[in-house]
């Protein structure tokens, strides 16, 4: 492959990595809301809806990335993992 042929692959991987990161930020924010709802004993319907919504959105995102190819799927997952690291670091700094 020539460098010109690799450019669209790199652009696709970069775009899906950014999409994975942004999705991951939203995913882990919803996870935090779910945990807060459980901890506050606010019922079961809200946390259940957030959990099912998170899982469904993750399935859709990663299915789309998989249809775009292995590089796109890997990049989206790496972006998601970076978002997880950011969320864990923020939770540790906040004290819980």
N, C-alpha and C. Protein backbone atom coordinates (compact mmCIF):
# COMPACT_ATOMS: atom_id res chain seq x y z
N UNK A 1 0.83 -1.18 0.00
CA UNK A 1 0.00 0.00 0.00
C UNK A 1 0.87 1.25 0.00
N UNK A 2 0.44 2.21 -0.72
CA UNK A 2 1.17 3.47 -0.75
C UNK A 2 0.72 4.34 0.43
N UNK A 3 1.53 5.33 0.78
CA UNK A 3 1.14 6.23 1.89
C UNK A 3 -0.18 6.94 1.62
N UNK A 4 -0.47 7.22 0.36
CA UNK A 4 -1.73 7.90 0.02
C UNK A 4 -2.91 6.98 0.30
N UNK A 5 -2.75 5.69 0.06
CA UNK A 5 -3.82 4.74 0.31
C UNK A 5 -4.05 4.55 1.80
N UNK A 6 -3.03 4.74 2.60
CA UNK A 6 -3.17 4.58 4.05
C UNK A 6 -3.81 5.79 4.71
N UNK A 7 -3.81 6.93 4.04
CA UNK A 7 -4.37 8.15 4.64
C UNK A 7 -5.85 8.00 4.99
N UNK A 8 -6.69 7.49 4.10
CA UNK A 8 -8.09 7.33 4.50
C UNK A 8 -8.25 6.36 5.68
N UNK A 9 -7.42 5.32 5.74
CA UNK A 9 -7.47 4.39 6.86
C UNK A 9 -7.09 5.09 8.15
N UNK A 10 -6.06 5.92 8.11
CA UNK A 10 -5.64 6.66 9.30
C UNK A 10 -6.71 7.67 9.71
N UNK A 11 -7.33 8.33 8.75
CA UNK A 11 -8.39 9.29 9.06
C UNK A 11 -9.60 8.58 9.67
N UNK A 12 -9.94 7.41 9.13
CA UNK A 12 -11.05 6.64 9.68
C UNK A 12 -10.74 6.17 11.10
N UNK A 13 -9.53 5.70 11.30
CA UNK A 13 -9.14 5.25 12.64
C UNK A 13 -9.14 6.42 13.63
N UNK A 14 -8.66 7.56 13.21
CA UNK A 14 -8.67 8.74 14.08
C UNK A 14 -10.08 9.18 14.42
N UNK A 15 -10.95 9.17 13.42
CA UNK A 15 -12.34 9.58 13.66
C UNK A 15 -13.04 8.61 14.59
N UNK A 16 -12.82 7.32 14.41
CA UNK A 16 -13.49 6.36 15.29
C UNK A 16 -12.88 6.37 16.69
N UNK A 17 -11.60 6.70 16.80
CA UNK A 17 -11.00 6.82 18.14
C UNK A 17 -11.63 8.00 18.88
N UNK A 18 -11.83 9.10 18.20
CA UNK A 18 -12.48 10.26 18.81
C UNK A 18 -13.92 9.92 19.17
N UNK A 19 -14.62 9.23 18.27
CA UNK A 19 -16.00 8.83 18.56
C UNK A 19 -16.05 7.88 19.76
N UNK A 20 -15.11 6.96 19.84
CA UNK A 20 -15.05 6.06 20.98
C UNK A 20 -14.78 6.80 22.27
N UNK A 21 -13.90 7.79 22.22
CA UNK A 21 -13.61 8.58 23.41
C UNK A 21 -14.84 9.37 23.86
N UNK A 22 -15.49 10.05 22.92
CA UNK A 22 -16.66 10.85 23.28
C UNK A 22 -17.79 9.97 23.79
N UNK A 23 -17.99 8.82 23.13
CA UNK A 23 -19.00 7.89 23.61
C UNK A 23 -18.63 7.38 25.01
N UNK A 24 -17.37 7.07 25.21
CA UNK A 24 -16.92 6.59 26.51
C UNK A 24 -17.16 7.60 27.61
N UNK A 25 -16.93 8.87 27.32
CA UNK A 25 -17.19 9.91 28.33
C UNK A 25 -18.67 9.91 28.72
N UNK A 26 -19.56 9.82 27.73
CA UNK A 26 -20.99 9.78 28.02
C UNK A 26 -21.36 8.49 28.75
N UNK A 27 -20.78 7.38 28.34
CA UNK A 27 -21.06 6.08 28.95
C UNK A 27 -20.70 6.09 30.43
N UNK A 28 -19.52 6.58 30.76
CA UNK A 28 -19.10 6.56 32.15
C UNK A 28 -19.79 7.64 32.98
N UNK A 29 -20.26 8.70 32.35
CA UNK A 29 -21.09 9.68 33.07
C UNK A 29 -22.43 9.03 33.43
N UNK A 30 -23.02 8.29 32.48
CA UNK A 30 -24.27 7.58 32.77
C UNK A 30 -24.06 6.51 33.83
N UNK A 31 -22.91 5.86 33.81
CA UNK A 31 -22.61 4.86 34.83
C UNK A 31 -22.55 5.51 36.22
N UNK A 32 -21.95 6.68 36.28
CA UNK A 32 -21.87 7.40 37.56
C UNK A 32 -23.27 7.77 38.05
N UNK A 33 -24.14 8.22 37.14
CA UNK A 33 -25.52 8.55 37.52
C UNK A 33 -26.25 7.30 38.00
N UNK A 34 -26.00 6.17 37.35
CA UNK A 34 -26.64 4.92 37.76
C UNK A 34 -26.22 4.54 39.18
N UNK A 35 -24.94 4.62 39.45
CA UNK A 35 -24.44 4.28 40.78
C UNK A 35 -25.00 5.25 41.82
N UNK A 36 -25.05 6.52 41.48
CA UNK A 36 -25.61 7.51 42.42
C UNK A 36 -27.08 7.23 42.69
N UNK A 37 -27.82 6.82 41.67
CA UNK A 37 -29.24 6.49 41.86
C UNK A 37 -29.41 5.28 42.76
N UNK A 38 -28.58 4.26 42.55
CA UNK A 38 -28.63 3.09 43.43
C UNK A 38 -28.27 3.46 44.86
N UNK A 39 -27.24 4.26 45.03
CA UNK A 39 -26.78 4.64 46.36
C UNK A 39 -27.82 5.48 47.09
N UNK A 40 -28.56 6.30 46.35
CA UNK A 40 -29.58 7.15 46.95
C UNK A 40 -30.91 6.41 47.13
N UNK A 41 -30.96 5.16 46.70
CA UNK A 41 -32.16 4.33 46.80
C UNK A 41 -33.37 5.03 46.20
N UNK A 42 -33.21 5.46 44.94
CA UNK A 42 -34.27 6.20 44.25
C UNK A 42 -35.15 5.28 43.40
N UNK A 43 -35.20 4.03 43.71
CA UNK A 43 -36.01 3.11 42.93
C UNK A 43 -35.13 2.32 41.97
N UNK A 44 -35.78 1.49 41.18
CA UNK A 44 -35.02 0.62 40.29
C UNK A 44 -35.20 0.96 38.83
N UNK A 45 -36.28 1.69 38.48
CA UNK A 45 -36.55 1.93 37.06
C UNK A 45 -35.51 2.84 36.41
N UNK A 46 -35.12 3.91 37.06
CA UNK A 46 -34.12 4.83 36.50
C UNK A 46 -32.78 4.17 36.25
N UNK A 47 -32.22 3.50 37.26
CA UNK A 47 -30.95 2.80 37.03
C UNK A 47 -31.05 1.71 35.97
N UNK A 48 -32.19 1.00 35.93
CA UNK A 48 -32.37 -0.03 34.91
C UNK A 48 -32.39 0.59 33.51
N UNK A 49 -33.11 1.69 33.36
CA UNK A 49 -33.18 2.36 32.06
C UNK A 49 -31.80 2.87 31.63
N UNK A 50 -31.05 3.45 32.56
CA UNK A 50 -29.70 3.92 32.23
C UNK A 50 -28.79 2.76 31.84
N UNK A 51 -28.89 1.65 32.55
CA UNK A 51 -28.06 0.50 32.25
C UNK A 51 -28.38 -0.07 30.87
N UNK A 52 -29.66 -0.27 30.59
CA UNK A 52 -30.06 -0.80 29.28
C UNK A 52 -29.70 0.16 28.15
N UNK A 53 -29.85 1.45 28.40
CA UNK A 53 -29.47 2.45 27.40
C UNK A 53 -27.97 2.44 27.12
N UNK A 54 -27.17 2.34 28.17
CA UNK A 54 -25.71 2.27 28.00
C UNK A 54 -25.31 1.05 27.18
N UNK A 55 -25.86 -0.09 27.54
CA UNK A 55 -25.50 -1.33 26.84
C UNK A 55 -25.93 -1.27 25.38
N UNK A 56 -27.15 -0.81 25.13
CA UNK A 56 -27.64 -0.72 23.75
C UNK A 56 -26.79 0.25 22.93
N UNK A 57 -26.44 1.38 23.51
CA UNK A 57 -25.62 2.36 22.78
C UNK A 57 -24.24 1.79 22.49
N UNK A 58 -23.67 1.05 23.43
CA UNK A 58 -22.35 0.44 23.21
C UNK A 58 -22.42 -0.59 22.08
N UNK A 59 -23.46 -1.38 22.07
CA UNK A 59 -23.63 -2.38 21.00
C UNK A 59 -23.71 -1.69 19.65
N UNK A 60 -24.48 -0.63 19.57
CA UNK A 60 -24.63 0.10 18.30
C UNK A 60 -23.30 0.71 17.87
N UNK A 61 -22.61 1.39 18.78
CA UNK A 61 -21.34 2.03 18.42
C UNK A 61 -20.33 1.01 17.92
N UNK A 62 -20.14 -0.07 18.67
CA UNK A 62 -19.12 -1.03 18.30
C UNK A 62 -19.54 -1.86 17.08
N UNK A 63 -20.82 -2.04 16.86
CA UNK A 63 -21.28 -2.72 15.63
C UNK A 63 -20.99 -1.86 14.40
N UNK A 64 -21.24 -0.57 14.52
CA UNK A 64 -20.92 0.33 13.40
C UNK A 64 -19.43 0.34 13.14
N UNK A 65 -18.65 0.43 14.20
CA UNK A 65 -17.19 0.43 14.04
C UNK A 65 -16.71 -0.88 13.42
N UNK A 66 -17.31 -2.00 13.82
CA UNK A 66 -16.92 -3.29 13.26
C UNK A 66 -17.24 -3.36 11.77
N UNK A 67 -18.34 -2.77 11.35
CA UNK A 67 -18.69 -2.76 9.92
C UNK A 67 -17.71 -1.91 9.12
N UNK A 68 -17.07 -0.95 9.79
CA UNK A 68 -16.08 -0.12 9.11
C UNK A 68 -14.72 -0.80 8.99
N UNK A 69 -14.52 -1.87 9.74
CA UNK A 69 -13.27 -2.62 9.64
C UNK A 69 -12.58 -2.79 10.98
N UNK A 70 -11.57 -3.65 10.97
CA UNK A 70 -10.86 -3.98 12.20
C UNK A 70 -10.13 -2.77 12.78
N UNK A 71 -9.53 -1.96 11.93
CA UNK A 71 -8.80 -0.79 12.42
C UNK A 71 -9.76 0.20 13.09
N UNK A 72 -10.93 0.38 12.51
CA UNK A 72 -11.92 1.29 13.09
C UNK A 72 -12.43 0.75 14.42
N UNK A 73 -12.67 -0.55 14.49
CA UNK A 73 -13.14 -1.16 15.73
C UNK A 73 -12.09 -1.03 16.83
N UNK A 74 -10.86 -1.32 16.49
CA UNK A 74 -9.78 -1.21 17.48
C UNK A 74 -9.60 0.23 17.94
N UNK A 75 -9.65 1.16 17.01
CA UNK A 75 -9.49 2.57 17.37
C UNK A 75 -10.64 3.04 18.26
N UNK A 76 -11.87 2.63 17.95
CA UNK A 76 -13.01 3.02 18.78
C UNK A 76 -12.87 2.44 20.18
N UNK A 77 -12.42 1.20 20.28
CA UNK A 77 -12.24 0.58 21.58
C UNK A 77 -11.12 1.26 22.37
N UNK A 78 -10.04 1.62 21.69
CA UNK A 78 -8.95 2.33 22.37
C UNK A 78 -9.42 3.69 22.88
N UNK A 79 -10.21 4.40 22.07
CA UNK A 79 -10.78 5.67 22.53
C UNK A 79 -11.67 5.48 23.74
N UNK A 80 -12.46 4.40 23.74
CA UNK A 80 -13.32 4.07 24.87
C UNK A 80 -12.48 3.78 26.12
N UNK A 81 -11.38 3.07 25.96
CA UNK A 81 -10.51 2.76 27.10
C UNK A 81 -9.84 4.01 27.66
N UNK A 82 -9.48 4.94 26.78
CA UNK A 82 -8.90 6.21 27.25
C UNK A 82 -9.96 6.98 28.06
N UNK A 83 -11.19 6.97 27.59
CA UNK A 83 -12.27 7.63 28.34
C UNK A 83 -12.47 6.97 29.69
N UNK A 84 -12.33 5.66 29.76
CA UNK A 84 -12.44 4.95 31.03
C UNK A 84 -11.33 5.40 31.98
N UNK A 85 -10.12 5.50 31.46
CA UNK A 85 -9.01 5.94 32.30
C UNK A 85 -9.25 7.35 32.82
N UNK A 86 -9.77 8.23 31.99
CA UNK A 86 -10.07 9.60 32.41
C UNK A 86 -11.15 9.59 33.49
N UNK A 87 -12.20 8.77 33.32
CA UNK A 87 -13.28 8.70 34.29
C UNK A 87 -12.79 8.14 35.63
N UNK A 88 -11.96 7.11 35.59
CA UNK A 88 -11.43 6.53 36.83
C UNK A 88 -10.54 7.54 37.53
N UNK A 89 -9.71 8.24 36.78
CA UNK A 89 -8.85 9.26 37.38
C UNK A 89 -9.65 10.38 38.01
N UNK A 90 -10.72 10.80 37.34
CA UNK A 90 -11.57 11.87 37.90
C UNK A 90 -12.27 11.39 39.16
N UNK A 91 -12.72 10.15 39.18
CA UNK A 91 -13.38 9.61 40.37
C UNK A 91 -12.41 9.51 41.53
N UNK A 92 -11.18 9.13 41.26
CA UNK A 92 -10.19 9.06 42.33
C UNK A 92 -9.86 10.43 42.89
N UNK A 93 -9.75 11.42 42.00
CA UNK A 93 -9.46 12.78 42.47
C UNK A 93 -10.61 13.35 43.28
N UNK A 94 -11.84 12.95 42.92
CA UNK A 94 -13.02 13.44 43.63
C UNK A 94 -13.23 12.72 44.96
N UNK A 95 -12.48 11.65 45.16
CA UNK A 95 -12.57 10.94 46.43
C UNK A 95 -13.60 9.84 46.46
N UNK A 96 -13.91 9.31 45.30
CA UNK A 96 -14.84 8.18 45.36
C UNK A 96 -15.62 8.09 44.15
